[in-house]
Amino acid sequence: MHIQEWLETVPAVVIYLLVGLVIGLESLGIPLPGEIILVSSALLASQHGEIDPLVLGICATTGAIVGDSIGYAIGRRGGKPLLERLGKRFPKHFGEQNIAMAERSFQKWGMWAVFFGRFVALLRIFAGPLAGVLHMPYWKFLIANVFGGILWAGGTTAVIYYVGIVAEAWLKRFSWLGLVLAVLVGATSMLVLKRRAAKGAAAAEAEAKAAAGGAVPEQPAAAAEPALAARAKADRA
């Protein structure tokens, strides 16, 4: 069953609690589909009047801020060994490459990494624990955490809610032919972008191989120098 179909079967209070809990656990550092739950719930609120989008946004924001704060405390106490244990348990999310990327982001951007990390799925999981591990001052973390949580959770709820209302009214007046055309245009655009990305990757790989191949012939020439010198000496003798 699809998430939105399942949400339609539960009371509004359960949805509020579920959104706050899932987003809180994701912000704490547990890989969960917090964004999917939030988007599905906001879209559901646009179609069913019993779900209040304001209450939904408050629950999502609270879960994001509280979860990140708990993750910060856990990371500050657990340190690097905590990330190593998480890497063994969740290698897809807490692998060495992902942790290294997140650390570079934190070292370069500081508290802005916490703020903007809220909008990136991978950094959203890392933000709290990693800020604690790196001993970011809590007041900086808290400011970025609060504003990032409000803008991401509250903003996402508001945008999806109003988009859902507009889309529902628009689809009622729009022909099925137009809808199919819109889907085809979207799919074509996606395929074009994928093909361009594949060509760019192939070109970069070809350039790397060409550069590596151009550097190889230098070694035989260098290795042949002693032999040529010995032959010239023998000819003079």
Protein backbone atom coordinates (compact mmCIF):
# COMPACT_ATOMS: atom_id res chain seq x y z
CA MET A 1 0.00 0.00 0.00
CA HIS A 2 1.23 3.48 -0.88
CA ILE A 3 2.12 5.79 2.03
CA GLN A 4 -0.56 8.33 1.12
CA GLU A 5 -3.21 5.62 0.82
CA TRP A 6 -2.25 4.32 4.27
CA LEU A 7 -2.34 7.82 5.78
CA GLU A 8 -5.91 8.24 4.55
CA THR A 9 -6.99 5.41 6.85
CA VAL A 10 -5.66 6.86 10.13
CA PRO A 11 -7.00 9.73 12.30
CA ALA A 12 -5.54 13.23 12.04
CA VAL A 13 -3.98 13.07 15.54
CA VAL A 14 -2.06 9.94 14.60
CA ILE A 15 -0.78 11.67 11.46
CA TYR A 16 0.47 14.65 13.50
CA LEU A 17 2.29 12.36 15.93
CA LEU A 18 3.65 10.13 13.16
CA VAL A 19 5.08 13.07 11.21
CA GLY A 20 6.74 14.54 14.29
CA LEU A 21 8.14 11.17 15.37
CA VAL A 22 9.51 10.08 11.98
CA ILE A 23 11.11 13.46 11.26
CA GLY A 24 12.52 13.57 14.80
CA LEU A 25 14.10 10.13 14.47
CA GLU A 26 15.50 10.98 11.03
CA SER A 27 17.00 14.21 12.38
CA LEU A 28 18.45 12.24 15.30
CA GLY A 29 20.46 10.18 12.82
CA ILE A 30 18.24 7.19 11.97
CA PRO A 31 17.73 6.76 8.19
CA LEU A 32 13.94 7.13 7.80
CA PRO A 33 11.79 8.61 4.98
CA GLY A 34 10.92 11.79 6.88
CA GLU A 35 10.57 13.93 3.76
CA ILE A 36 8.28 11.41 2.08
CA ILE A 37 6.03 11.25 5.15
CA LEU A 38 5.91 15.06 5.38
CA VAL A 39 5.12 15.58 1.69
CA SER A 40 2.46 12.84 1.69
CA SER A 41 0.82 14.27 4.82
CA ALA A 42 0.82 17.84 3.48
CA LEU A 43 -0.68 16.64 0.20
CA LEU A 44 -3.28 14.69 2.14
CA ALA A 45 -4.11 17.83 4.16
CA SER A 46 -4.84 19.70 0.92
CA GLN A 47 -7.45 17.08 0.00
CA HIS A 48 -9.03 16.40 3.42
CA GLY A 49 -10.23 19.19 5.67
CA GLU A 50 -9.83 17.23 8.94
CA ILE A 51 -6.03 17.60 8.77
CA ASP A 52 -4.91 21.10 9.81
CA PRO A 53 -1.81 22.14 7.80
CA LEU A 54 -0.75 24.58 10.56
CA VAL A 55 -0.75 21.84 13.23
CA LEU A 56 1.01 19.53 10.78
CA GLY A 57 3.73 22.11 10.12
CA ILE A 58 4.21 22.74 13.87
CA CYS A 59 4.58 19.00 14.58
CA ALA A 60 7.06 18.58 11.73
CA THR A 61 9.10 21.60 12.85
CA THR A 62 9.13 20.45 16.48
CA GLY A 63 10.25 16.97 15.49
CA ALA A 64 13.04 18.37 13.31
CA ILE A 65 14.42 20.72 16.00
CA VAL A 66 14.13 18.28 18.92
CA GLY A 67 15.53 15.36 16.90
CA ASP A 68 18.53 17.37 15.73
CA SER A 69 19.24 18.53 19.30
CA ILE A 70 19.17 14.96 20.63
CA GLY A 71 21.41 13.87 17.77
CA TYR A 72 23.86 16.65 18.68
CA ALA A 73 23.98 15.48 22.31
CA ILE A 74 24.51 11.85 21.26
CA GLY A 75 27.25 12.80 18.80
CA ARG A 76 29.06 14.99 21.32
CA ARG A 77 29.10 12.18 23.85
CA GLY A 78 29.76 9.29 21.45
CA GLY A 79 32.43 10.98 19.31
CA LYS A 80 34.14 9.30 16.35
CA PRO A 81 33.51 5.72 17.62
CA LEU A 82 29.79 6.44 17.26
CA LEU A 83 30.19 7.22 13.54
CA GLU A 84 32.24 4.05 13.10
CA ARG A 85 29.50 1.93 14.69
CA LEU A 86 26.85 3.62 12.57
CA GLY A 87 28.98 2.99 9.48
CA LYS A 88 29.00 -0.74 10.20
CA ARG A 89 25.27 -0.82 10.82
CA PHE A 90 24.15 1.55 8.05
CA PRO A 91 26.98 1.44 5.45
CA LYS A 92 24.77 2.94 2.75
CA HIS A 93 24.18 6.12 4.75
CA PHE A 94 27.15 6.29 7.16
CA GLY A 95 29.88 4.94 4.88
CA GLU A 96 33.37 6.47 4.95
CA GLN A 97 32.80 8.50 1.78
CA ASN A 98 29.54 10.00 3.05
CA ILE A 99 31.05 10.87 6.43
CA ALA A 100 34.11 12.43 4.77
CA MET A 101 31.86 14.53 2.51
CA ALA A 102 29.80 15.69 5.48
CA GLU A 103 32.92 16.57 7.48
CA ARG A 104 34.27 18.66 4.60
CA SER A 105 30.94 20.48 4.40
CA PHE A 106 31.00 21.22 8.13
CA GLN A 107 34.62 22.37 8.10
CA LYS A 108 33.98 24.67 5.14
CA TRP A 109 30.56 26.09 6.02
CA GLY A 110 30.24 25.64 9.78
CA MET A 111 26.75 26.42 11.09
CA TRP A 112 25.53 27.02 7.52
CA ALA A 113 26.07 23.31 6.89
CA VAL A 114 23.51 22.60 9.62
CA PHE A 115 21.07 25.13 8.14
CA PHE A 116 21.31 24.09 4.49
CA GLY A 117 21.87 20.44 5.42
CA ARG A 118 18.23 20.36 6.47
CA PHE A 119 17.29 20.50 2.77
CA VAL A 120 19.60 17.63 1.72
CA ALA A 121 18.49 14.11 2.62
CA LEU A 122 21.97 12.79 3.47
CA LEU A 123 23.11 15.83 5.46
CA ARG A 124 19.76 15.93 7.25
CA ILE A 125 20.66 12.61 8.88
CA PHE A 126 24.25 13.69 9.63
CA ALA A 127 23.70 17.27 10.81
CA GLY A 128 22.95 16.71 14.49
CA PRO A 129 25.32 13.84 15.34
CA LEU A 130 28.21 15.17 13.25
CA ALA A 131 27.92 18.68 14.72
CA GLY A 132 28.22 17.09 18.15
CA VAL A 133 31.17 14.91 17.14
CA LEU A 134 33.00 17.95 15.74
CA HIS A 135 32.21 19.92 18.94
CA MET A 136 30.44 22.78 17.18
CA PRO A 137 29.42 25.39 19.80
CA TYR A 138 25.88 24.56 20.82
CA TRP A 139 24.57 28.12 20.45
CA LYS A 140 25.66 28.16 16.79
CA PHE A 141 24.14 24.74 16.22
CA LEU A 142 20.89 25.75 17.92
CA ILE A 143 20.43 28.89 15.80
CA ALA A 144 21.03 27.00 12.55
CA ASN A 145 18.91 24.09 13.77
CA VAL A 146 15.89 26.22 14.72
CA PHE A 147 15.84 28.37 11.57
CA GLY A 148 16.61 25.42 9.30
CA GLY A 149 13.89 23.31 10.92
CA ILE A 150 11.27 26.06 10.63
CA LEU A 151 12.11 26.87 7.02
CA TRP A 152 12.36 23.23 5.87
CA ALA A 153 9.50 21.59 7.79
CA GLY A 154 7.13 24.56 7.87
CA GLY A 155 8.01 25.69 4.35
CA THR A 156 7.64 22.23 2.86
CA THR A 157 4.26 21.78 4.52
CA ALA A 158 2.98 25.14 3.25
CA VAL A 159 4.29 24.71 -0.31
CA ILE A 160 3.00 21.15 -0.78
CA TYR A 161 -0.36 22.05 0.82
CA TYR A 162 -1.02 24.97 -1.55
CA VAL A 163 0.38 23.10 -4.55
CA GLY A 164 -2.02 20.26 -3.75
CA ILE A 165 -4.99 22.64 -3.64
CA VAL A 166 -4.05 24.31 -6.92
CA ALA A 167 -3.26 21.00 -8.61
CA GLU A 168 -6.58 19.45 -7.57
CA ALA A 169 -8.58 22.36 -8.99
CA TRP A 170 -6.42 22.44 -12.12
CA LEU A 171 -6.77 18.72 -12.80
CA LYS A 172 -10.55 18.92 -12.55
CA ARG A 173 -10.62 21.37 -15.47
CA PHE A 174 -7.76 19.86 -17.42
CA SER A 175 -8.26 17.20 -20.09
CA TRP A 176 -6.70 13.76 -19.76
CA LEU A 177 -4.91 14.37 -23.05
CA GLY A 178 -3.14 17.38 -21.58
CA LEU A 179 -2.21 15.41 -18.49
CA VAL A 180 -0.69 12.62 -20.59
CA LEU A 181 1.22 15.23 -22.61
CA ALA A 182 2.60 16.78 -19.42
CA VAL A 183 3.77 13.37 -18.19
CA LEU A 184 5.46 12.65 -21.53
CA VAL A 185 7.23 16.00 -21.50
CA GLY A 186 8.49 15.35 -17.97
CA ALA A 187 9.70 11.84 -18.83
CA THR A 188 11.44 13.08 -22.00
CA SER A 189 13.21 15.83 -20.07
CA MET A 190 14.41 13.32 -17.49
CA LEU A 191 15.75 10.97 -20.18
CA VAL A 192 17.57 13.83 -21.93
CA LEU A 193 19.21 14.90 -18.69
CA LYS A 194 20.27 11.33 -17.91
CA ARG A 195 21.74 10.91 -21.40
CA ARG A 196 23.68 14.17 -21.12
CA ALA A 197 25.00 13.15 -17.71
CA ALA A 198 26.10 9.77 -19.12
CA LYS A 199 27.87 11.46 -22.05
CA GLY A 200 29.62 13.86 -19.69
CA ALA A 201 30.80 10.98 -17.49
CA ALA A 202 32.03 9.02 -20.55
CA ALA A 203 33.91 12.08 -21.85
CA ALA A 204 35.55 12.66 -18.47
CA GLU A 205 36.58 8.98 -18.30
CA ALA A 206 38.02 9.13 -21.82
CA GLU A 207 40.05 12.24 -20.97
CA ALA A 208 41.39 10.56 -17.83
CA LYS A 209 42.43 7.46 -19.82
CA ALA A 210 44.06 9.62 -22.50
CA ALA A 211 46.01 11.55 -19.89
CA ALA A 212 47.13 8.32 -18.23
CA GLY A 213 48.10 6.80 -21.59
CA GLY A 214 50.16 9.84 -22.58
CA ALA A 215 52.24 9.58 -19.44
CA VAL A 216 53.19 5.91 -19.94
CA PRO A 217 55.65 6.17 -22.90
CA GLU A 218 57.99 8.41 -20.88
CA GLN A 219 59.11 5.50 -18.70
CA PRO A 220 60.64 3.32 -21.47
CA ALA A 221 62.58 6.35 -22.79
CA ALA A 222 64.00 7.04 -19.36
CA ALA A 223 64.85 3.38 -18.86
CA ALA A 224 66.62 3.24 -22.26
CA GLU A 225 69.03 6.11 -21.47
CA PRO A 226 71.62 3.94 -19.59
CA ALA A 227 71.64 1.38 -22.40
CA LEU A 228 72.21 4.06 -25.07
CA ALA A 229 75.03 5.61 -23.03
CA ALA A 230 76.74 2.21 -22.66
CA ARG A 231 76.45 1.54 -26.42
CA ALA A 232 77.93 4.96 -27.27
CA LYS A 233 80.84 4.32 -24.88
CA ALA A 234 81.49 0.94 -26.51
CA ASP A 235 81.50 2.53 -30.00
CA ARG A 236 84.09 5.13 -28.94
CA ALA A 237 86.31 2.39 -27.50
